[in-house]
């Protein structure tokens, strides 16, 4: 049994959807989450900048005794996961890639839409996954950095947010997409609004559950699982006040 915490980091609060899924299937595990909102978004930064920020975040989590780290950010996973694994070989890392594989397999129309940041689309993980699993399927890639800004500001509903979402979603539906992949961990926070715009015309695909399950598998494979009856959860960063009142984000605040 290893009661050290599992570390998570993202460019902001987007990765909380990964953390939430993980806490449900691994309720005995302690966690430390870093929201690097000061440097958000990562999507418009160079690969070198993202690697540097990811190295800082990983170093902070390791300094807090984390036994493994989830890079809960598609853009950081795309740019930095190989670097982090090479720099910290003693620490297991779990990264994220857009859920192209299940979307491609399940699509009936043969057309899927992927919403992500430019950094994710330019990364090795996205392109290798697309090449491996999406042959014969048309992928319509849409940069949706505006969604990151909405989530970081806590604007998850209302006319303005709906207008931003509709502008990105409607062209995909008009093109025949029957699966829409949320390729950024910020985007699932907008799922209710995205579903409202879609109106059943397509399925939303996002990887939170799959990443949480992979994290559990990696913990078990490395004999790092915990059976603690009193896990603790630390949040480092900033989060909109209107999200703090939501029970599923009931985590400790720590600015150190």
Protein backbone atom coordinates (compact mmCIF):
# COMPACT_ATOMS: atom_id res chain seq x y z
CA UNK A 1 0.00 0.00 0.00
CA UNK A 2 1.34 3.43 -0.97
CA UNK A 3 -0.51 6.39 0.56
CA UNK A 4 1.44 9.07 -1.28
CA UNK A 5 -0.81 11.30 -3.45
CA UNK A 6 -1.40 11.11 -7.18
CA UNK A 7 -0.52 14.38 -8.90
CA UNK A 8 -2.54 16.11 -11.61
CA UNK A 9 -1.82 19.29 -13.53
CA UNK A 10 -3.55 21.29 -16.24
CA UNK A 11 -3.32 24.77 -17.70
CA UNK A 12 -6.30 25.60 -15.50
CA UNK A 13 -9.40 23.92 -14.11
CA UNK A 14 -10.13 21.80 -17.18
CA UNK A 15 -8.47 18.70 -15.78
CA UNK A 16 -10.89 18.61 -12.86
CA UNK A 17 -13.11 16.42 -15.05
CA UNK A 18 -10.29 13.85 -15.02
CA UNK A 19 -9.79 14.27 -11.28
CA UNK A 20 -13.51 13.81 -10.62
CA UNK A 21 -13.63 10.57 -12.62
CA UNK A 22 -10.49 9.28 -10.89
CA UNK A 23 -11.79 9.99 -7.38
CA UNK A 24 -14.94 8.00 -8.13
CA UNK A 25 -13.11 4.84 -9.15
CA UNK A 26 -10.16 5.25 -6.73
CA UNK A 27 -11.79 6.69 -3.59
CA UNK A 28 -8.86 5.70 -1.36
CA UNK A 29 -6.29 7.73 -3.28
CA UNK A 30 -5.07 11.15 -2.13
CA UNK A 31 -4.51 13.77 -4.82
CA UNK A 32 -2.73 17.05 -5.51
CA UNK A 33 -4.05 19.14 -8.39
CA UNK A 34 -2.23 22.13 -9.92
CA UNK A 35 -4.29 24.57 -11.99
CA UNK A 36 -1.76 26.72 -13.84
CA UNK A 37 -4.35 29.39 -14.58
CA UNK A 38 -1.68 32.10 -14.48
CA UNK A 39 -0.27 30.72 -17.74
CA UNK A 40 -3.56 29.61 -19.30
CA UNK A 41 -4.14 28.91 -22.12
CA UNK A 42 -1.39 26.55 -23.22
CA UNK A 43 -2.90 26.06 -26.68
CA UNK A 44 -1.37 29.20 -28.20
CA UNK A 45 2.12 28.66 -26.75
CA UNK A 46 5.15 27.14 -28.44
CA UNK A 47 6.14 23.55 -27.70
CA UNK A 48 9.21 24.83 -25.86
CA UNK A 49 7.08 27.03 -23.60
CA UNK A 50 4.67 24.20 -22.84
CA UNK A 51 7.53 21.83 -22.00
CA UNK A 52 9.04 24.41 -19.64
CA UNK A 53 5.72 24.97 -17.85
CA UNK A 54 5.05 21.24 -17.66
CA UNK A 55 8.48 20.65 -16.14
CA UNK A 56 7.75 23.25 -13.45
CA UNK A 57 4.35 21.72 -12.66
CA UNK A 58 5.73 18.19 -12.52
CA UNK A 59 8.57 19.34 -10.30
CA UNK A 60 6.14 20.93 -7.86
CA UNK A 61 4.07 17.75 -7.69
CA UNK A 62 7.14 15.59 -7.15
CA UNK A 63 8.24 18.02 -4.46
CA UNK A 64 4.94 17.32 -2.70
CA UNK A 65 5.69 13.60 -2.72
CA UNK A 66 3.42 12.53 -5.60
CA UNK A 67 3.96 8.90 -6.58
CA UNK A 68 2.69 9.35 -10.13
CA UNK A 69 1.49 12.21 -12.31
CA UNK A 70 -1.47 12.62 -14.65
CA UNK A 71 -0.88 15.28 -17.29
CA UNK A 72 -4.54 16.31 -17.29
CA UNK A 73 -4.15 18.56 -20.30
CA UNK A 74 -4.28 17.50 -23.95
CA UNK A 75 -1.93 20.27 -25.08
CA UNK A 76 0.68 19.52 -22.41
CA UNK A 77 0.43 15.79 -23.11
CA UNK A 78 1.03 16.44 -26.80
CA UNK A 79 4.06 18.64 -26.26
CA UNK A 80 5.66 17.43 -23.04
CA UNK A 81 4.80 13.84 -22.08
CA UNK A 82 7.87 12.32 -23.78
CA UNK A 83 10.13 14.92 -22.16
CA UNK A 84 8.66 14.35 -18.70
CA UNK A 85 9.00 10.58 -18.92
CA UNK A 86 12.64 10.94 -19.94
CA UNK A 87 13.44 13.49 -17.23
CA UNK A 88 11.67 11.66 -14.40
CA UNK A 89 12.02 7.94 -15.26
CA UNK A 90 11.19 6.95 -11.68
CA UNK A 91 7.71 8.55 -11.90
CA UNK A 92 4.89 6.96 -13.94
CA UNK A 93 3.12 9.51 -16.14
CA UNK A 94 -0.33 9.22 -17.72
CA UNK A 95 -1.13 11.54 -20.61
CA UNK A 96 -4.25 12.36 -22.59
CA UNK A 97 -5.09 12.20 -26.26
CA UNK A 98 -8.34 13.04 -28.05
CA UNK A 99 -10.75 10.07 -28.05
CA UNK A 100 -10.51 9.57 -31.80
CA UNK A 101 -10.41 5.76 -31.62
CA UNK A 102 -13.86 5.19 -30.01
CA UNK A 103 -15.39 7.98 -32.09
CA UNK A 104 -14.08 6.46 -35.34
CA UNK A 105 -15.20 2.96 -34.39
CA UNK A 106 -18.70 4.05 -33.36
CA UNK A 107 -19.36 6.55 -36.16
CA UNK A 108 -22.13 5.56 -38.56
CA UNK A 109 -21.68 8.47 -40.96
CA UNK A 110 -17.92 8.08 -41.22
CA UNK A 111 -17.49 11.74 -40.31
CA UNK A 112 -16.35 12.88 -36.87
CA UNK A 113 -15.57 16.30 -35.48
CA UNK A 114 -12.71 17.03 -33.11
CA UNK A 115 -12.65 20.16 -30.98
CA UNK A 116 -9.23 20.93 -29.49
CA UNK A 117 -6.49 23.54 -29.20
CA UNK A 118 -3.93 24.20 -31.89
CA UNK A 119 -1.23 22.73 -29.66
CA UNK A 120 -3.09 19.42 -29.45
CA UNK A 121 -3.61 19.24 -33.22
CA UNK A 122 0.11 19.86 -33.79
CA UNK A 123 1.20 17.18 -31.30
CA UNK A 124 2.50 13.67 -31.94
CA UNK A 125 -0.23 11.95 -29.90
CA UNK A 126 -3.10 13.38 -31.92
CA UNK A 127 -1.51 12.70 -35.29
CA UNK A 128 -0.33 9.19 -34.46
CA UNK A 129 -3.76 8.28 -33.06
CA UNK A 130 -5.49 9.70 -36.13
CA UNK A 131 -3.19 7.78 -38.45
CA UNK A 132 -3.59 4.52 -36.53
CA UNK A 133 -7.31 4.46 -35.80
CA UNK A 134 -9.11 6.82 -38.15
CA UNK A 135 -8.23 5.57 -41.61
CA UNK A 136 -11.31 5.66 -43.79
CA UNK A 137 -12.97 8.17 -41.49
CA UNK A 138 -13.23 11.86 -42.28
CA UNK A 139 -12.03 14.02 -39.38
CA UNK A 140 -13.04 17.66 -39.21
CA UNK A 141 -10.63 19.41 -36.82
CA UNK A 142 -11.79 22.66 -35.22
CA UNK A 143 -9.64 24.88 -33.00
CA UNK A 144 -11.83 25.98 -30.08
CA UNK A 145 -9.58 27.98 -27.79
CA UNK A 146 -12.59 30.16 -26.94
CA UNK A 147 -14.04 27.26 -24.94
CA UNK A 148 -11.02 27.35 -22.61
CA UNK A 149 -11.66 31.01 -21.87
CA UNK A 150 -15.33 30.35 -21.11
CA UNK A 151 -14.52 27.60 -18.61
CA UNK A 152 -11.73 29.51 -16.88
CA UNK A 153 -14.14 32.42 -16.38
CA UNK A 154 -16.90 30.11 -15.16
CA UNK A 155 -19.22 31.04 -18.04
CA UNK A 156 -20.87 27.67 -18.60
CA UNK A 157 -24.34 28.78 -19.65
CA UNK A 158 -26.27 31.74 -20.99
CA UNK A 159 -26.69 33.39 -24.35
CA UNK A 160 -23.09 34.46 -24.85
CA UNK A 161 -21.64 31.04 -24.09
CA UNK A 162 -24.26 29.34 -26.24
CA UNK A 163 -23.39 31.60 -29.15
CA UNK A 164 -19.69 30.72 -28.88
CA UNK A 165 -20.46 26.99 -28.70
CA UNK A 166 -23.01 27.08 -31.50
CA UNK A 167 -20.53 28.80 -33.83
CA UNK A 168 -18.17 25.83 -33.50
CA UNK A 169 -20.71 22.99 -33.35
CA UNK A 170 -23.27 23.83 -36.04
CA UNK A 171 -20.82 23.58 -39.00
CA UNK A 172 -19.77 20.12 -37.80
CA UNK A 173 -23.38 18.95 -37.65
CA UNK A 174 -24.09 20.45 -41.06
CA UNK A 175 -21.13 18.50 -42.46
CA UNK A 176 -22.62 15.21 -41.22
CA UNK A 177 -20.60 14.57 -38.05
CA UNK A 178 -22.30 12.02 -35.81
CA UNK A 179 -19.53 12.00 -33.18
CA UNK A 180 -17.98 15.12 -31.68
CA UNK A 181 -14.76 14.57 -29.75
CA UNK A 182 -13.93 16.97 -26.93
CA UNK A 183 -10.16 17.09 -27.29
CA UNK A 184 -9.39 19.40 -24.38
CA UNK A 185 -10.05 18.72 -20.72
CA UNK A 186 -11.70 22.12 -20.37
CA UNK A 187 -14.40 21.24 -22.86
CA UNK A 188 -16.37 18.60 -20.86
CA UNK A 189 -17.32 21.37 -18.43
CA UNK A 190 -19.40 22.74 -21.31
CA UNK A 191 -21.02 19.36 -22.07
CA UNK A 192 -24.56 20.39 -20.98
CA UNK A 193 -24.40 23.42 -23.26
CA UNK A 194 -22.86 21.43 -26.12
CA UNK A 195 -25.61 18.82 -25.74
CA UNK A 196 -28.22 21.59 -25.86
CA UNK A 197 -26.82 22.81 -29.18
CA UNK A 198 -26.48 19.30 -30.62
CA UNK A 199 -30.07 18.32 -29.73
CA UNK A 200 -29.40 14.62 -30.20
CA UNK A 201 -27.94 15.02 -33.70
CA UNK A 202 -24.54 13.62 -32.63
CA UNK A 203 -22.85 11.92 -29.70
CA UNK A 204 -20.33 13.68 -27.46
CA UNK A 205 -17.11 11.72 -26.90
CA UNK A 206 -14.66 12.67 -24.16
CA UNK A 207 -11.89 10.67 -22.43
CA UNK A 208 -12.29 11.42 -18.70
CA UNK A 209 -13.43 7.93 -17.69
CA UNK A 210 -10.87 6.20 -19.91
CA UNK A 211 -8.02 8.28 -18.48
CA UNK A 212 -9.17 7.61 -14.92
CA UNK A 213 -9.27 3.88 -15.59
CA UNK A 214 -5.82 3.96 -17.19
CA UNK A 215 -4.49 5.78 -14.13
CA UNK A 216 -5.91 3.06 -11.90
CA UNK A 217 -4.27 0.39 -14.06
CA UNK A 218 -0.89 2.11 -13.94
CA UNK A 219 -1.09 2.43 -10.16
CA UNK A 220 -1.77 -1.29 -9.87
CA UNK A 221 0.96 -2.25 -12.34
CA UNK A 222 3.54 -0.31 -10.33
CA UNK A 223 2.21 -1.53 -6.95
CA UNK A 224 1.37 2.04 -5.99
CA UNK A 225 -2.30 1.66 -5.05
CA UNK A 226 -3.57 3.01 -1.72
CA UNK A 227 -6.18 1.64 0.66
CA UNK A 228 -6.33 4.74 2.84
CA UNK A 229 -9.55 5.35 4.74
CA UNK A 230 -8.76 9.07 4.97
CA UNK A 231 -7.49 10.35 1.61
CA UNK A 232 -6.75 14.06 1.32
CA UNK A 233 -7.17 16.30 -1.72
CA UNK A 234 -5.20 19.48 -2.34
CA UNK A 235 -5.97 22.09 -5.01
CA UNK A 236 -3.26 24.59 -5.95
CA UNK A 237 -4.29 27.52 -8.13
CA UNK A 238 -7.45 29.52 -8.74
CA UNK A 239 -10.98 28.50 -9.61
CA UNK A 240 -14.12 30.58 -10.40
CA UNK A 241 -16.28 31.08 -7.33
CA UNK A 242 -19.37 29.74 -9.10
CA UNK A 243 -17.60 26.40 -9.54
CA UNK A 244 -16.49 26.24 -5.91
CA UNK A 245 -20.10 25.78 -4.82
CA UNK A 246 -20.52 22.63 -6.90
CA UNK A 247 -20.16 19.54 -4.66
CA UNK A 248 -18.21 17.53 -7.24
CA UNK A 249 -15.37 20.05 -6.91
CA UNK A 250 -15.22 19.78 -3.13
CA UNK A 251 -11.44 19.85 -2.75
CA UNK A 252 -9.03 21.64 -0.45
CA UNK A 253 -7.58 24.97 -1.54
CA UNK A 254 -3.84 25.45 -1.11
CA UNK A 255 -1.96 28.40 -2.52
CA UNK A 256 1.50 27.29 -1.37
